[in-house]
Protein backbone atom coordinates (compact mmCIF):
# COMPACT_ATOMS: atom_id res chain seq x y z
CA MET A 1 -19.91 -15.93 -0.02
CA ASP A 2 -17.38 -13.26 0.80
CA SER A 3 -16.72 -10.49 -1.66
CA GLN A 4 -15.26 -7.06 -2.08
CA ILE A 5 -17.51 -4.88 -4.24
CA GLN A 6 -16.25 -2.24 -6.68
CA LEU A 7 -18.42 0.16 -8.68
CA ILE A 8 -17.35 1.90 -11.88
CA LEU A 9 -19.61 4.37 -13.71
CA LEU A 10 -18.34 4.80 -17.26
CA ASN A 11 -18.95 7.74 -19.57
CA ASP A 12 -19.98 7.51 -23.20
CA ASP A 13 -16.72 7.79 -25.14
CA GLY A 14 -18.32 8.67 -28.47
CA GLN A 15 -17.71 5.15 -29.83
CA ILE A 16 -18.93 2.92 -27.01
CA PRO A 17 -22.10 4.24 -25.31
CA ASN A 18 -21.61 2.45 -21.97
CA ASN A 19 -24.52 2.89 -19.59
CA PRO A 20 -25.53 6.42 -18.60
CA VAL A 21 -27.22 5.32 -15.36
CA PHE A 22 -25.93 2.01 -14.00
CA PRO A 23 -22.37 1.31 -12.85
CA VAL A 24 -20.37 -1.79 -13.64
CA ILE A 25 -20.24 -3.92 -10.48
CA ILE A 26 -17.19 -6.07 -9.73
CA TYR A 27 -17.53 -8.76 -7.08
CA LYS A 28 -13.89 -9.59 -6.20
CA GLY A 29 -13.32 -13.17 -5.05
CA VAL A 30 -17.00 -13.98 -4.52
CA PHE A 31 -16.56 -17.54 -5.88
CA LYS A 32 -12.93 -17.99 -4.77
CA GLY A 33 -12.34 -21.71 -4.35
CA GLU A 34 -15.82 -22.46 -5.72
CA PRO A 35 -15.68 -21.67 -9.45
CA GLY A 36 -17.94 -24.62 -10.20
CA GLU A 37 -20.77 -22.81 -8.38
CA ILE A 38 -20.88 -19.81 -10.72
CA ALA A 39 -23.32 -21.12 -13.35
CA SER A 40 -25.73 -22.60 -10.81
CA ALA A 41 -25.77 -19.37 -8.76
CA PHE A 42 -26.51 -17.29 -11.86
CA SER A 43 -29.27 -19.67 -12.91
CA ARG A 44 -30.79 -19.79 -9.42
CA HIS A 45 -31.12 -15.98 -9.58
CA GLN A 46 -32.80 -15.93 -13.04
CA TRP A 47 -29.62 -15.10 -14.99
CA THR A 48 -29.78 -17.89 -17.55
CA GLY A 49 -28.71 -18.81 -21.06
CA SER A 50 -25.27 -19.41 -19.61
CA TRP A 51 -22.22 -20.27 -21.67
CA THR A 52 -18.59 -20.99 -20.91
CA GLY A 53 -15.71 -19.57 -22.94
CA GLY A 54 -13.56 -16.48 -23.22
CA VAL A 55 -14.00 -12.75 -23.74
CA TYR A 56 -13.52 -11.36 -27.25
CA ASP A 57 -10.26 -9.50 -27.86
CA TYR A 58 -12.05 -6.54 -29.47
CA HIS A 59 -14.43 -3.97 -28.01
CA HIS A 60 -18.06 -4.97 -28.16
CA TYR A 61 -21.23 -4.39 -26.17
CA HIS A 62 -24.83 -5.50 -25.96
CA SER A 63 -27.55 -2.86 -26.28
CA ASN A 64 -30.46 -5.21 -25.55
CA THR A 65 -29.40 -6.88 -22.29
CA HIS A 66 -27.16 -6.74 -19.26
CA GLU A 67 -24.44 -9.42 -18.97
CA VAL A 68 -22.69 -11.11 -16.06
CA LEU A 69 -19.28 -12.76 -16.39
CA GLY A 70 -17.89 -15.04 -13.69
CA VAL A 71 -14.22 -16.06 -13.90
CA LYS A 72 -14.16 -19.85 -13.75
CA ALA A 73 -10.40 -20.29 -14.27
CA GLY A 74 -7.23 -18.30 -14.79
CA GLN A 75 -6.82 -14.57 -14.87
CA ALA A 76 -7.09 -11.76 -17.39
CA THR A 77 -6.93 -8.05 -18.02
CA VAL A 78 -10.27 -6.84 -19.35
CA LEU A 79 -10.75 -3.32 -20.68
CA ILE A 80 -14.23 -1.94 -20.03
CA GLY A 81 -15.75 1.26 -21.33
CA GLY A 82 -13.82 1.81 -24.57
CA ASP A 83 -10.23 2.67 -25.41
CA GLU A 84 -9.99 5.22 -22.59
CA GLY A 85 -11.94 3.05 -20.14
CA GLU A 86 -10.86 1.07 -17.09
CA ARG A 87 -8.52 -1.92 -17.07
CA LEU A 88 -9.71 -4.65 -14.72
CA GLU A 89 -7.46 -7.40 -13.41
CA VAL A 90 -9.73 -10.39 -12.84
CA SER A 91 -8.99 -13.88 -11.57
CA GLU A 92 -10.76 -17.09 -10.59
CA GLY A 93 -13.82 -16.37 -8.47
CA ASP A 94 -14.34 -12.76 -9.60
CA VAL A 95 -17.60 -11.62 -11.21
CA ILE A 96 -18.14 -8.61 -13.48
CA LEU A 97 -21.70 -7.33 -13.93
CA LEU A 98 -21.95 -5.26 -17.12
CA PRO A 99 -24.99 -3.04 -17.60
CA ALA A 100 -26.38 -2.85 -21.14
CA GLY A 101 -24.16 -0.76 -23.42
CA THR A 102 -20.91 -1.38 -21.55
CA GLY A 103 -17.99 -2.04 -23.85
CA HIS A 104 -15.69 -4.90 -22.90
CA GLN A 105 -12.58 -6.46 -24.41
CA LYS A 106 -9.95 -8.94 -23.26
CA ILE A 107 -6.47 -7.40 -23.40
CA GLU A 108 -4.50 -10.42 -22.20
CA SER A 109 -5.07 -13.60 -20.24
CA SER A 110 -3.53 -16.76 -18.89
CA PRO A 111 -3.88 -19.78 -21.20
CA ASP A 112 -6.50 -21.35 -18.90
CA PHE A 113 -8.70 -18.22 -18.67
CA GLU A 114 -12.39 -19.13 -18.82
CA VAL A 115 -15.59 -17.31 -17.88
CA VAL A 116 -19.21 -18.27 -17.38
CA GLY A 117 -21.54 -15.70 -18.92
CA ALA A 118 -25.31 -15.28 -18.48
CA TYR A 119 -28.13 -12.81 -19.07
CA PRO A 120 -31.24 -11.84 -17.08
CA GLY A 121 -34.10 -14.06 -18.12
CA GLY A 122 -31.85 -15.78 -20.67
CA THR A 123 -32.10 -12.88 -23.13
CA SER A 124 -30.13 -13.51 -26.32
CA PRO A 125 -27.56 -10.72 -26.55
CA ASN A 126 -27.04 -8.73 -29.69
CA MET A 127 -23.47 -7.90 -30.75
CA LYS A 128 -22.52 -4.27 -31.23
CA LYS A 129 -19.12 -2.88 -32.18
CA LYS A 130 -17.80 0.64 -32.65
CA ASP A 131 -20.16 1.65 -35.44
CA PRO A 132 -21.57 5.19 -35.55
CA SER A 133 -24.48 4.06 -37.75
CA ASP A 134 -25.78 1.85 -34.90
CA ARG A 135 -25.43 4.52 -32.26
CA VAL A 136 -28.87 6.18 -32.14
CA GLN A 137 -30.70 2.86 -32.11
CA ALA A 138 -28.28 1.41 -29.53
CA LEU A 139 -28.78 4.35 -27.16
CA ALA A 140 -32.57 3.96 -27.36
CA GLU A 141 -32.32 0.20 -26.73
CA ILE A 142 -30.00 0.63 -23.72
CA LYS A 143 -32.49 2.97 -22.02
CA ASN A 144 -35.24 0.36 -22.40
CA VAL A 145 -33.42 -2.61 -20.87
CA PRO A 146 -35.23 -3.32 -17.58
CA VAL A 147 -33.52 -3.73 -14.23
CA PRO A 148 -33.35 -7.47 -13.44
CA LYS A 149 -35.44 -8.72 -10.53
CA GLU A 150 -32.46 -10.43 -8.85
CA ASP A 151 -28.76 -9.77 -8.35
CA PRO A 152 -26.90 -12.53 -10.28
CA VAL A 153 -24.75 -13.43 -7.27
CA TYR A 154 -26.91 -12.70 -4.21
CA GLY A 155 -30.46 -12.99 -5.53
CA GLU A 156 -33.05 -10.86 -3.76
CA GLU A 157 -30.33 -8.91 -1.97
CA GLY A 158 -27.02 -7.64 -3.21
CA PRO A 159 -25.36 -4.57 -4.63
CA MET A 160 -27.12 -4.62 -8.01
CA LEU A 161 -30.50 -3.99 -6.38
CA ALA A 162 -29.06 -1.11 -4.34
CA GLU A 163 -27.08 0.48 -7.20
CA TRP A 164 -29.34 -0.13 -10.20
CA LYS A 165 -32.49 1.72 -9.28
CA GLY A 166 -34.83 1.63 -12.30
């Protein structure tokens, strides 16, 4: 597996908490030419409960788990971190690792855009939107989400273990 790694630490924007400690990790082209390997790699590294589909076209986040998204087909522009966040151009073979609390939204995509998503230990994600009444509880939950034992792409090695020190 060959990959270019990008790290993005996002600030709380007042609506979307993002993660105050862990950066988003983007693995560019890690499954290029091998998109069928994404789900099995995630599963092999204890990121389970996988699903295949798209990314919602509105901002949402999960306060109870981290999430990994591997681009199985097509390409898209995904906005992470809230309205003033970062726009990511992703295509087949890319992986985005979202720490708990990180807002994400699809802005546009090719008709064939498809991702494989998974969660550490198969945790069932909650669904949070821009709602101030959820904020205090969401911030407390985000702080209590443990660091996974394995990087979803590289297992017992990899950038997540270096960057996400618990």
